[in-house]
Amino acid sequence: GYGNILIIDHGNGYMSLYAHNDSLLRSAGDAVRRGDAVATVGTSGGQSAPALYFELRHNGAPVNPAAWLSRQ
């Protein structure tokens, strides 16, 4: 269902998940910094139009990302 998926481990039990990607720009074990491109949006996983699925988890449980996402 999610197609090409990338999961980033942020430490302290936090991870972010990015799905339906066209291509992944990082591999397992790569370091990622703020602002780095990690994937390109696509239609993998059965999407009919380009889309991005984003999820934030803490200790395996979904977390509302609103507090983490702010306009800059």
PDB file of N, CA and C in Angstrom:
ATOM      1  N   GLY A   1       0.728  -1.210   0.000  1.00  0.00           N
ATOM      2  CA  GLY A   1       0.000   0.000   0.000  1.00  0.00           C
ATOM      3  C   GLY A   1       0.773   1.286   0.000  1.00  0.00           C
ATOM      4  N   TYR A   2       1.954   1.344   0.600  1.00  0.00           N
ATOM      5  CA  TYR A   2       2.677   2.614   0.720  1.00  0.00           C
ATOM      6  C   TYR A   2       3.665   2.845  -0.419  1.00  0.00           C
ATOM      7  N   GLY A   3       3.921   1.864  -1.247  1.00  0.00           N
ATOM      8  CA  GLY A   3       4.888   2.027  -2.326  1.00  0.00           C
ATOM      9  C   GLY A   3       6.300   2.190  -1.793  1.00  0.00           C
ATOM     10  N   ASN A   4       7.100   3.010  -2.471  1.00  0.00           N
ATOM     11  CA  ASN A   4       8.467   3.281  -2.007  1.00  0.00           C
ATOM     12  C   ASN A   4       8.397   4.101  -0.733  1.00  0.00           C
ATOM     13  N   ILE A   5       8.961   3.572   0.332  1.00  0.00           N
ATOM     14  CA  ILE A   5       8.843   4.194   1.650  1.00  0.00           C
ATOM     15  C   ILE A   5      10.228   4.472   2.226  1.00  0.00           C
ATOM     16  N   LEU A   6      10.344   5.597   2.921  1.00  0.00           N
ATOM     17  CA  LEU A   6      11.585   5.968   3.598  1.00  0.00           C
ATOM     18  C   LEU A   6      11.238   6.268   5.045  1.00  0.00           C
ATOM     19  N   ILE A   7      11.981   5.690   5.972  1.00  0.00           N
ATOM     20  CA  ILE A   7      11.773   5.937   7.396  1.00  0.00           C
ATOM     21  C   ILE A   7      13.056   6.539   7.951  1.00  0.00           C
ATOM     22  N   ILE A   8      12.915   7.659   8.654  1.00  0.00           N
ATOM     23  CA  ILE A   8      14.064   8.323   9.269  1.00  0.00           C
ATOM     24  C   ILE A   8      13.948   8.181  10.776  1.00  0.00           C
ATOM     25  N   ASP A   9      14.993   7.661  11.396  1.00  0.00           N
ATOM     26  CA  ASP A   9      15.074   7.521  12.849  1.00  0.00           C
ATOM     27  C   ASP A   9      15.690   8.802  13.395  1.00  0.00           C
ATOM     28  N   HIS A  10      14.916   9.562  14.181  1.00  0.00           N
ATOM     29  CA  HIS A  10      15.374  10.830  14.739  1.00  0.00           C
ATOM     30  C   HIS A  10      15.956  10.664  16.141  1.00  0.00           C
ATOM     31  N   GLY A  11      15.944   9.457  16.674  1.00  0.00           N
ATOM     32  CA  GLY A  11      16.432   9.217  18.028  1.00  0.00           C
ATOM     33  C   GLY A  11      15.350   9.475  19.063  1.00  0.00           C
ATOM     34  N   ASN A  12      15.605   9.092  20.286  1.00  0.00           N
ATOM     35  CA  ASN A  12      14.669   9.274  21.403  1.00  0.00           C
ATOM     36  C   ASN A  12      13.282   8.701  21.102  1.00  0.00           C
ATOM     37  N   GLY A  13      13.234   7.642  20.298  1.00  0.00           N
ATOM     38  CA  GLY A  13      11.977   6.973  20.004  1.00  0.00           C
ATOM     39  C   GLY A  13      11.166   7.603  18.882  1.00  0.00           C
ATOM     40  N   TYR A  14      11.654   8.680  18.261  1.00  0.00           N
ATOM     41  CA  TYR A  14      10.930   9.357  17.185  1.00  0.00           C
ATOM     42  C   TYR A  14      11.382   8.858  15.822  1.00  0.00           C
ATOM     43  N   MET A  15      10.422   8.689  14.927  1.00  0.00           N
ATOM     44  CA  MET A  15      10.730   8.366  13.534  1.00  0.00           C
ATOM     45  C   MET A  15       9.699   9.045  12.647  1.00  0.00           C
ATOM     46  N   SER A  16      10.139   9.408  11.446  1.00  0.00           N
ATOM     47  CA  SER A  16       9.210   9.953  10.456  1.00  0.00           C
ATOM     48  C   SER A  16       9.188   9.015   9.262  1.00  0.00           C
ATOM     49  N   LEU A  17       8.019   8.922   8.648  1.00  0.00           N
ATOM     50  CA  LEU A  17       7.784   7.999   7.552  1.00  0.00           C
ATOM     51  C   LEU A  17       7.291   8.795   6.344  1.00  0.00           C
ATOM     52  N   TYR A  18       7.876   8.513   5.184  1.00  0.00           N
ATOM     53  CA  TYR A  18       7.522   9.188   3.932  1.00  0.00           C
ATOM     54  C   TYR A  18       7.223   8.102   2.899  1.00  0.00           C
ATOM     55  N   ALA A  19       6.031   8.121   2.311  1.00  0.00           N
ATOM     56  CA  ALA A  19       5.632   7.046   1.407  1.00  0.00           C
ATOM     57  C   ALA A  19       5.056   7.579   0.096  1.00  0.00           C
ATOM     58  N   HIS A  20       4.870   6.670  -0.856  1.00  0.00           N
ATOM     59  CA  HIS A  20       4.397   6.927  -2.217  1.00  0.00           C
ATOM     60  C   HIS A  20       5.467   7.646  -3.039  1.00  0.00           C
ATOM     61  N   ASN A  21       6.721   7.488  -2.660  1.00  0.00           N
ATOM     62  CA  ASN A  21       7.821   8.169  -3.349  1.00  0.00           C
ATOM     63  C   ASN A  21       8.089   7.559  -4.721  1.00  0.00           C
ATOM     64  N   ASP A  22       8.565   8.412  -5.634  1.00  0.00           N
ATOM     65  CA  ASP A  22       9.014   7.950  -6.943  1.00  0.00           C
ATOM     66  C   ASP A  22      10.390   7.317  -6.805  1.00  0.00           C
ATOM     67  N   SER A  23      11.283   8.019  -6.101  1.00  0.00           N
ATOM     68  CA  SER A  23      12.626   7.478  -5.868  1.00  0.00           C
ATOM     69  C   SER A  23      13.114   7.904  -4.497  1.00  0.00           C
ATOM     70  N   LEU A  24      13.958   7.067  -3.913  1.00  0.00           N
ATOM     71  CA  LEU A  24      14.568   7.353  -2.617  1.00  0.00           C
ATOM     72  C   LEU A  24      15.957   7.900  -2.859  1.00  0.00           C
ATOM     73  N   LEU A  25      16.295   9.011  -2.198  1.00  0.00           N
ATOM     74  CA  LEU A  25      17.586   9.661  -2.382  1.00  0.00           C
ATOM     75  C   LEU A  25      18.572   9.328  -1.278  1.00  0.00           C
ATOM     76  N   ARG A  26      18.145   8.540  -0.317  1.00  0.00           N
ATOM     77  CA  ARG A  26      19.004   8.113   0.794  1.00  0.00           C
ATOM     78  C   ARG A  26      18.906   6.605   0.950  1.00  0.00           C
ATOM     79  N   SER A  27      19.948   6.022   1.531  1.00  0.00           N
ATOM     80  CA  SER A  27      19.988   4.585   1.794  1.00  0.00           C
ATOM     81  C   SER A  27      20.056   4.343   3.285  1.00  0.00           C
ATOM     82  N   ALA A  28      19.801   3.116   3.704  1.00  0.00           N
ATOM     83  CA  ALA A  28      19.880   2.754   5.121  1.00  0.00           C
ATOM     84  C   ALA A  28      21.226   3.149   5.683  1.00  0.00           C
ATOM     85  N   GLY A  29      21.199   3.829   6.818  1.00  0.00           N
ATOM     86  CA  GLY A  29      22.426   4.234   7.498  1.00  0.00           C
ATOM     87  C   GLY A  29      22.942   5.605   7.114  1.00  0.00           C
ATOM     88  N   ASP A  30      22.392   6.217   6.063  1.00  0.00           N
ATOM     89  CA  ASP A  30      22.833   7.557   5.666  1.00  0.00           C
ATOM     90  C   ASP A  30      22.420   8.587   6.712  1.00  0.00           C
ATOM     91  N   ALA A  31      23.288   9.550   6.954  1.00  0.00           N
ATOM     92  CA  ALA A  31      22.945  10.674   7.827  1.00  0.00           C
ATOM     93  C   ALA A  31      22.078  11.649   7.047  1.00  0.00           C
ATOM     94  N   VAL A  32      21.118  12.251   7.721  1.00  0.00           N
ATOM     95  CA  VAL A  32      20.232  13.228   7.116  1.00  0.00           C
ATOM     96  C   VAL A  32      20.212  14.459   8.009  1.00  0.00           C
ATOM     97  N   ARG A  33      20.336  15.622   7.376  1.00  0.00           N
ATOM     98  CA  ARG A  33      20.279  16.888   8.116  1.00  0.00           C
ATOM     99  C   ARG A  33      19.063  17.685   7.671  1.00  0.00           C
ATOM    100  N   ARG A  34      18.658  18.622   8.502  1.00  0.00           N
ATOM    101  CA  ARG A  34      17.531  19.488   8.170  1.00  0.00           C
ATOM    102  C   ARG A  34      17.763  20.113   6.792  1.00  0.00           C
ATOM    103  N   GLY A  35      16.733  20.046   5.954  1.00  0.00           N
ATOM    104  CA  GLY A  35      16.807  20.630   4.629  1.00  0.00           C
ATOM    105  C   GLY A  35      17.276  19.693   3.538  1.00  0.00           C
ATOM    106  N   ASP A  36      17.801  18.516   3.912  1.00  0.00           N
ATOM    107  CA  ASP A  36      18.253  17.542   2.911  1.00  0.00           C
ATOM    108  C   ASP A  36      17.054  16.935   2.181  1.00  0.00           C
ATOM    109  N   ALA A  37      17.172  16.789   0.872  1.00  0.00           N
ATOM    110  CA  ALA A  37      16.168  16.048   0.113  1.00  0.00           C
ATOM    111  C   ALA A  37      16.367  14.562   0.413  1.00  0.00           C
ATOM    112  N   VAL A  38      15.284  13.848   0.672  1.00  0.00           N
ATOM    113  CA  VAL A  38      15.385  12.427   1.012  1.00  0.00           C
ATOM    114  C   VAL A  38      14.700  11.528  -0.005  1.00  0.00           C
ATOM    115  N   ALA A  39      13.767  12.089  -0.777  1.00  0.00           N
ATOM    116  CA  ALA A  39      13.025  11.305  -1.766  1.00  0.00           C
ATOM    117  C   ALA A  39      12.341  12.261  -2.734  1.00  0.00           C
ATOM    118  N   THR A  40      11.840  11.699  -3.839  1.00  0.00           N
ATOM    119  CA  THR A  40      11.026  12.482  -4.761  1.00  0.00           C
ATOM    120  C   THR A  40       9.601  11.946  -4.726  1.00  0.00           C
ATOM    121  N   VAL A  41       8.640  12.843  -4.731  1.00  0.00           N
ATOM    122  CA  VAL A  41       7.226  12.486  -4.647  1.00  0.00           C
ATOM    123  C   VAL A  41       6.822  11.719  -5.902  1.00  0.00           C
ATOM    124  N   GLY A  42       5.979  10.729  -5.726  1.00  0.00           N
ATOM    125  CA  GLY A  42       5.585   9.923  -6.872  1.00  0.00           C
ATOM    126  C   GLY A  42       4.221   9.309  -6.730  1.00  0.00           C
ATOM    127  N   THR A  43       4.035   8.233  -7.482  1.00  0.00           N
ATOM    128  CA  THR A  43       2.747   7.541  -7.515  1.00  0.00           C
ATOM    129  C   THR A  43       2.875   6.080  -7.104  1.00  0.00           C
ATOM    130  N   SER A  44       3.955   5.727  -6.423  1.00  0.00           N
ATOM    131  CA  SER A  44       4.118   4.327  -6.022  1.00  0.00           C
ATOM    132  C   SER A  44       3.053   3.956  -4.990  1.00  0.00           C
ATOM    133  N   GLY A  45       2.766   2.702  -4.898  1.00  0.00           N
ATOM    134  CA  GLY A  45       1.772   2.224  -3.947  1.00  0.00           C
ATOM    135  C   GLY A  45       0.347   2.374  -4.447  1.00  0.00           C
ATOM    136  N   GLY A  46       0.180   2.532  -5.757  1.00  0.00           N
ATOM    137  CA  GLY A  46      -1.159   2.567  -6.320  1.00  0.00           C
ATOM    138  C   GLY A  46      -1.793   3.942  -6.398  1.00  0.00           C
ATOM    139  N   GLN A  47      -1.052   5.005  -6.139  1.00  0.00           N
ATOM    140  CA  GLN A  47      -1.607   6.353  -6.247  1.00  0.00           C
ATOM    141  C   GLN A  47      -1.841   6.711  -7.713  1.00  0.00           C
ATOM    142  N   SER A  48      -2.938   7.396  -8.001  1.00  0.00           N
ATOM    143  CA  SER A  48      -3.237   7.788  -9.381  1.00  0.00           C
ATOM    144  C   SER A  48      -2.633   9.145  -9.728  1.00  0.00           C
ATOM    145  N   ALA A  49      -2.247   9.914  -8.704  1.00  0.00           N
ATOM    146  CA  ALA A  49      -1.596  11.210  -8.898  1.00  0.00           C
ATOM    147  C   ALA A  49      -0.448  11.303  -7.901  1.00  0.00           C
ATOM    148  N   PRO A  50       0.581  12.093  -8.214  1.00  0.00           N
ATOM    149  CA  PRO A  50       1.689  12.236  -7.273  1.00  0.00           C
ATOM    150  C   PRO A  50       1.187  12.657  -5.900  1.00  0.00           C
ATOM    151  N   ALA A  51       1.692  11.985  -4.867  1.00  0.00           N
ATOM    152  CA  ALA A  51       1.240  12.246  -3.501  1.00  0.00           C
ATOM    153  C   ALA A  51       2.365  11.913  -2.530  1.00  0.00           C
ATOM    154  N   LEU A  52       2.274  12.470  -1.337  1.00  0.00           N
ATOM    155  CA  LEU A  52       3.213  12.150  -0.261  1.00  0.00           C
ATOM    156  C   LEU A  52       2.413  11.756   0.964  1.00  0.00           C
ATOM    157  N   TYR A  53       2.755  10.626   1.543  1.00  0.00           N
ATOM    158  CA  TYR A  53       2.192  10.218   2.824  1.00  0.00           C
ATOM    159  C   TYR A  53       3.260  10.495   3.861  1.00  0.00           C
ATOM    160  N   PHE A  54       2.918  11.252   4.901  1.00  0.00           N
ATOM    161  CA  PHE A  54       3.856  11.592   5.972  1.00  0.00           C
ATOM    162  C   PHE A  54       3.259  11.159   7.296  1.00  0.00           C
ATOM    163  N   GLU A  55       4.093  10.576   8.132  1.00  0.00           N
ATOM    164  CA  GLU A  55       3.642  10.159   9.460  1.00  0.00           C
ATOM    165  C   GLU A  55       4.788  10.338  10.430  1.00  0.00           C
ATOM    166  N   LEU A  56       4.480  10.792  11.633  1.00  0.00           N
ATOM    167  CA  LEU A  56       5.449  10.915  12.720  1.00  0.00           C
ATOM    168  C   LEU A  56       5.035   9.936  13.807  1.00  0.00           C
ATOM    169  N   ARG A  57       6.007   9.189  14.323  1.00  0.00           N
ATOM    170  CA  ARG A  57       5.727   8.220  15.389  1.00  0.00           C
ATOM    171  C   ARG A  57       6.698   8.401  16.549  1.00  0.00           C
ATOM    172  N   HIS A  58       6.212   8.130  17.755  1.00  0.00           N
ATOM    173  CA  HIS A  58       7.049   8.121  18.946  1.00  0.00           C
ATOM    174  C   HIS A  58       6.814   6.802  19.661  1.00  0.00           C
ATOM    175  N   ASN A  59       7.886   6.043  19.816  1.00  0.00           N
ATOM    176  CA  ASN A  59       7.809   4.708  20.422  1.00  0.00           C
ATOM    177  C   ASN A  59       6.748   3.851  19.731  1.00  0.00           C
ATOM    178  N   GLY A  60       6.650   3.992  18.402  1.00  0.00           N
ATOM    179  CA  GLY A  60       5.754   3.174  17.600  1.00  0.00           C
ATOM    180  C   GLY A  60       4.330   3.675  17.497  1.00  0.00           C
ATOM    181  N   ALA A  61       3.978   4.708  18.262  1.00  0.00           N
ATOM    182  CA  ALA A  61       2.609   5.228  18.234  1.00  0.00           C
ATOM    183  C   ALA A  61       2.547   6.501  17.387  1.00  0.00           C
ATOM    184  N   PRO A  62       1.492   6.664  16.579  1.00  0.00           N
ATOM    185  CA  PRO A  62       1.363   7.881  15.779  1.00  0.00           C
ATOM    186  C   PRO A  62       1.301   9.128  16.654  1.00  0.00           C
ATOM    187  N   VAL A  63       1.909  10.217  16.146  1.00  0.00           N
ATOM    188  CA  VAL A  63       1.940  11.499  16.854  1.00  0.00           C
ATOM    189  C   VAL A  63       1.405  12.566  15.892  1.00  0.00           C
ATOM    190  N   ASN A  64       0.571  13.470  16.401  1.00  0.00           N
ATOM    191  CA  ASN A  64       0.117  14.593  15.594  1.00  0.00           C
ATOM    192  C   ASN A  64       1.324  15.488  15.316  1.00  0.00           C
ATOM    193  N   PRO A  65       1.686  15.698  14.038  1.00  0.00           N
ATOM    194  CA  PRO A  65       2.894  16.458  13.722  1.00  0.00           C
ATOM    195  C   PRO A  65       2.722  17.976  13.812  1.00  0.00           C
ATOM    196  N   ALA A  66       1.529  18.465  14.124  1.00  0.00           N
ATOM    197  CA  ALA A  66       1.271  19.910  14.111  1.00  0.00           C
ATOM    198  C   ALA A  66       2.273  20.685  14.968  1.00  0.00           C
ATOM    199  N   ALA A  67       2.631  20.163  16.117  1.00  0.00           N
ATOM    200  CA  ALA A  67       3.560  20.874  17.005  1.00  0.00           C
ATOM    201  C   ALA A  67       4.975  20.901  16.429  1.00  0.00           C
ATOM    202  N   TRP A  68       5.298  19.985  15.536  1.00  0.00           N
ATOM    203  CA  TRP A  68       6.630  19.892  14.964  1.00  0.00           C
ATOM    204  C   TRP A  68       6.775  20.680  13.665  1.00  0.00           C
ATOM    205  N   LEU A  69       5.644  20.957  13.013  1.00  0.00           N
ATOM    206  CA  LEU A  69       5.655  21.646  11.735  1.00  0.00           C
ATOM    207  C   LEU A  69       5.231  23.095  11.944  1.00  0.00           C
ATOM    208  N   SER A  70       6.087  24.003  11.579  1.00  0.00           N
ATOM    209  CA  SER A  70       5.742  25.417  11.725  1.00  0.00           C
ATOM    210  C   SER A  70       6.163  26.182  10.483  1.00  0.00           C
ATOM    211  N   ARG A  71       5.481  27.270  10.234  1.00  0.00           N
ATOM    212  CA  ARG A  71       5.843  28.124   9.103  1.00  0.00           C
ATOM    213  C   ARG A  71       7.106  28.885   9.455  1.00  0.00           C
ATOM    214  N   GLN A  72       7.994  28.977   8.474  1.00  0.00           N
ATOM    215  CA  GLN A  72       9.224  29.710   8.712  1.00  0.00           C
ATOM    216  C   GLN A  72       9.483  30.693   7.610  1.00  0.00           C
TER     217      GLN A  72
END
